[in-house]
Amino acid sequence: MAESFDGQEQQILALQKRIGDAFHVFDHDENDTVDIREIGTIIRSLNCCPSECDLQDILTEIEEEESAGYIKYELFLPVMTKVLMERRFKPAPEDKLLKAFEVLDVDQNGYLTSDELMQYIRVEGEPFSQEEMEECLSAASDPETNRIDYKRLASMMVVEEPF
């Protein structure tokens, strides 16, 4: 006999499947653990945008001393289910991103140079490695002009709601 689930239970099951699918992409040894360094990528793949501080808080909550360096699925699942159900770490909407870029564009050109954006990120933003900055800029900037059309970038940065 099939059990019937109400809407919220079905939503939770669907979220947990998405969480499991994302987690297991990085479970290379197929033992329900992932390297702690992959957790940020997994969380972001679930359309959450935590700060580095938020990410550290999550890691503190789910990391066990005896399995240092690895996160167990059984600990990750309930925490991420709660995060997604509470809609924490929601991505910024496009209009908010656009306004932020416009503030940075003091000349109101409709673009930023790669150097300008790099400087803003270094001074004001979350910490990025040199490799991450170069990857971001290569995806965002026009290779011929070295300019970043921030309207196009803002539309590329928009993330769908998790459910």
Protein backbone atom coordinates (compact mmCIF):
# COMPACT_ATOMS: atom_id res chain seq x y z
CA MET A 1 0.00 0.00 0.00
CA ALA A 2 1.39 3.37 -1.01
CA GLU A 3 1.66 5.99 1.65
CA SER A 4 0.29 9.37 0.85
CA PHE A 5 2.37 12.41 1.67
CA ASP A 6 1.17 15.93 2.12
CA GLY A 7 2.73 18.77 0.14
CA GLN A 8 5.38 19.68 2.70
CA GLU A 9 6.54 16.08 3.12
CA GLN A 10 6.84 15.72 -0.65
CA GLN A 11 8.76 18.98 -0.79
CA ILE A 12 11.16 17.75 1.91
CA LEU A 13 11.69 14.46 0.10
CA ALA A 14 12.40 16.29 -3.16
CA LEU A 15 14.88 18.59 -1.38
CA GLN A 16 16.59 15.66 0.28
CA LYS A 17 16.95 13.93 -3.08
CA ARG A 18 18.58 17.07 -4.53
CA ILE A 19 20.87 17.32 -1.51
CA GLY A 20 21.82 13.66 -1.81
CA ASP A 21 22.44 13.94 -5.54
CA ALA A 22 24.69 16.98 -5.06
CA PHE A 23 26.57 15.39 -2.15
CA HIS A 24 27.18 12.09 -3.91
CA VAL A 25 28.73 13.76 -6.96
CA PHE A 26 31.67 14.52 -4.65
CA ASP A 27 31.59 11.21 -2.74
CA HIS A 28 34.41 9.74 -4.83
CA ASP A 29 34.97 6.75 -2.51
CA GLU A 30 31.21 6.03 -2.34
CA ASN A 31 31.29 5.85 1.46
CA ASP A 32 28.84 8.67 2.26
CA THR A 33 31.62 11.16 3.02
CA VAL A 34 33.10 14.08 1.12
CA ASP A 35 36.22 16.14 1.58
CA ILE A 36 35.43 19.16 3.73
CA ARG A 37 36.84 21.43 0.99
CA GLU A 38 33.98 20.38 -1.31
CA ILE A 39 31.16 21.46 1.03
CA GLY A 40 31.06 25.06 -0.25
CA THR A 41 30.75 23.84 -3.82
CA ILE A 42 28.00 21.40 -2.86
CA ILE A 43 26.05 24.06 -0.97
CA ARG A 44 26.39 26.55 -3.83
CA SER A 45 25.26 23.88 -6.32
CA LEU A 46 22.02 23.83 -4.31
CA ASN A 47 21.51 27.51 -5.22
CA CYS A 48 22.55 28.82 -1.82
CA CYS A 49 24.94 31.74 -1.56
CA PRO A 50 26.49 31.65 1.90
CA SER A 51 29.34 33.94 2.86
CA GLU A 52 32.60 32.33 3.92
CA CYS A 53 31.62 33.05 7.53
CA ASP A 54 28.24 31.32 7.04
CA LEU A 55 30.02 28.38 5.44
CA GLN A 56 32.37 28.08 8.42
CA ASP A 57 29.35 28.09 10.76
CA ILE A 58 27.81 25.19 8.81
CA LEU A 59 31.09 23.28 8.84
CA THR A 60 31.41 23.75 12.60
CA GLU A 61 27.93 22.33 13.00
CA ILE A 62 28.50 19.21 10.87
CA GLU A 63 32.18 18.35 11.29
CA GLU A 64 33.13 15.58 13.70
CA GLU A 65 36.54 15.42 15.35
CA GLU A 66 37.13 11.75 14.56
CA SER A 67 36.52 12.27 10.86
CA ALA A 68 38.49 15.50 10.54
CA GLY A 69 38.74 16.61 6.96
CA TYR A 70 35.62 14.74 5.86
CA ILE A 71 31.90 15.38 6.22
CA LYS A 72 29.39 12.56 6.62
CA TYR A 73 26.20 12.59 4.58
CA GLU A 74 24.10 11.68 7.62
CA LEU A 75 25.21 14.93 9.32
CA PHE A 76 25.04 17.07 6.19
CA LEU A 77 21.52 16.06 5.14
CA PRO A 78 19.49 17.41 8.10
CA VAL A 79 21.45 20.66 8.26
CA MET A 80 21.05 21.34 4.54
CA THR A 81 17.40 20.32 4.60
CA LYS A 82 16.80 22.92 7.31
CA VAL A 83 18.84 25.54 5.41
CA LEU A 84 16.82 25.00 2.24
CA MET A 85 13.47 24.84 4.02
CA GLU A 86 14.25 28.12 5.81
CA ARG A 87 15.47 29.61 2.52
CA ARG A 88 18.68 30.77 4.13
CA PHE A 89 21.49 32.14 1.97
CA LYS A 90 19.14 33.18 -0.78
CA PRO A 91 20.85 34.53 -3.88
CA ALA A 92 20.45 38.23 -4.59
CA PRO A 93 17.82 39.16 -7.18
CA GLU A 94 18.97 40.67 -10.47
CA ASP A 95 17.80 44.21 -9.67
CA LYS A 96 19.80 44.22 -6.43
CA LEU A 97 22.91 42.97 -8.22
CA LEU A 98 22.49 45.61 -10.88
CA LYS A 99 22.17 48.39 -8.29
CA ALA A 100 25.35 47.18 -6.60
CA PHE A 101 27.26 47.30 -9.89
CA GLU A 102 25.87 50.76 -10.63
CA VAL A 103 27.23 52.02 -7.31
CA LEU A 104 30.68 50.74 -8.32
CA ASP A 105 30.41 52.38 -11.76
CA VAL A 106 31.20 55.91 -10.59
CA ASP A 107 31.40 57.20 -14.19
CA GLN A 108 28.05 55.58 -15.06
CA ASN A 109 29.53 53.98 -18.20
CA GLY A 110 27.47 50.81 -18.00
CA TYR A 111 30.61 48.77 -17.54
CA LEU A 112 33.54 48.20 -15.20
CA THR A 113 37.06 47.34 -16.25
CA SER A 114 38.53 44.05 -15.11
CA ASP A 115 41.05 45.99 -13.00
CA GLU A 116 38.29 47.99 -11.29
CA LEU A 117 36.28 44.89 -10.45
CA MET A 118 39.38 43.06 -9.25
CA GLN A 119 40.23 45.98 -6.95
CA TYR A 120 36.70 46.11 -5.51
CA ILE A 121 36.74 42.36 -4.89
CA ARG A 122 40.12 42.50 -3.16
CA VAL A 123 39.19 45.44 -0.92
CA GLU A 124 35.50 44.93 -0.17
CA GLY A 125 34.45 41.41 -1.11
CA GLU A 126 34.74 37.86 0.07
CA PRO A 127 38.27 36.47 -0.15
CA PHE A 128 39.05 35.01 -3.58
CA SER A 129 42.17 33.16 -4.66
CA GLN A 130 44.03 34.55 -7.66
CA GLU A 131 42.81 31.56 -9.68
CA GLU A 132 39.17 32.21 -8.70
CA MET A 133 39.49 35.89 -9.62
CA GLU A 134 41.02 35.08 -13.01
CA GLU A 135 38.31 32.50 -13.71
CA CYS A 136 35.58 34.97 -12.77
CA LEU A 137 37.06 37.75 -14.86
CA SER A 138 37.62 35.52 -17.88
CA ALA A 139 33.95 34.55 -17.81
CA ALA A 140 32.71 38.08 -17.17
CA SER A 141 34.89 40.36 -19.26
CA ASP A 142 35.08 41.03 -22.98
CA PRO A 143 38.55 39.78 -24.00
CA GLU A 144 38.99 42.57 -26.57
CA THR A 145 38.02 45.56 -24.42
CA ASN A 146 38.77 44.14 -20.94
CA ARG A 147 35.39 45.56 -19.88
CA ILE A 148 32.63 43.93 -17.93
CA ASP A 149 29.10 44.71 -19.06
CA TYR A 150 27.57 44.45 -15.62
CA LYS A 151 23.97 44.26 -16.89
CA ARG A 152 24.89 41.06 -18.73
CA LEU A 153 26.90 39.83 -15.74
CA ALA A 154 24.04 40.50 -13.31
CA SER A 155 21.67 38.49 -15.50
CA MET A 156 24.21 35.64 -15.63
CA MET A 157 24.56 35.67 -11.83
CA VAL A 158 20.86 35.21 -11.13
CA VAL A 159 20.14 31.86 -9.52
CA GLU A 160 16.83 30.04 -9.45
CA GLU A 161 15.12 29.47 -6.12
CA PRO A 162 15.81 25.94 -4.78
CA PHE A 163 12.06 25.14 -4.87
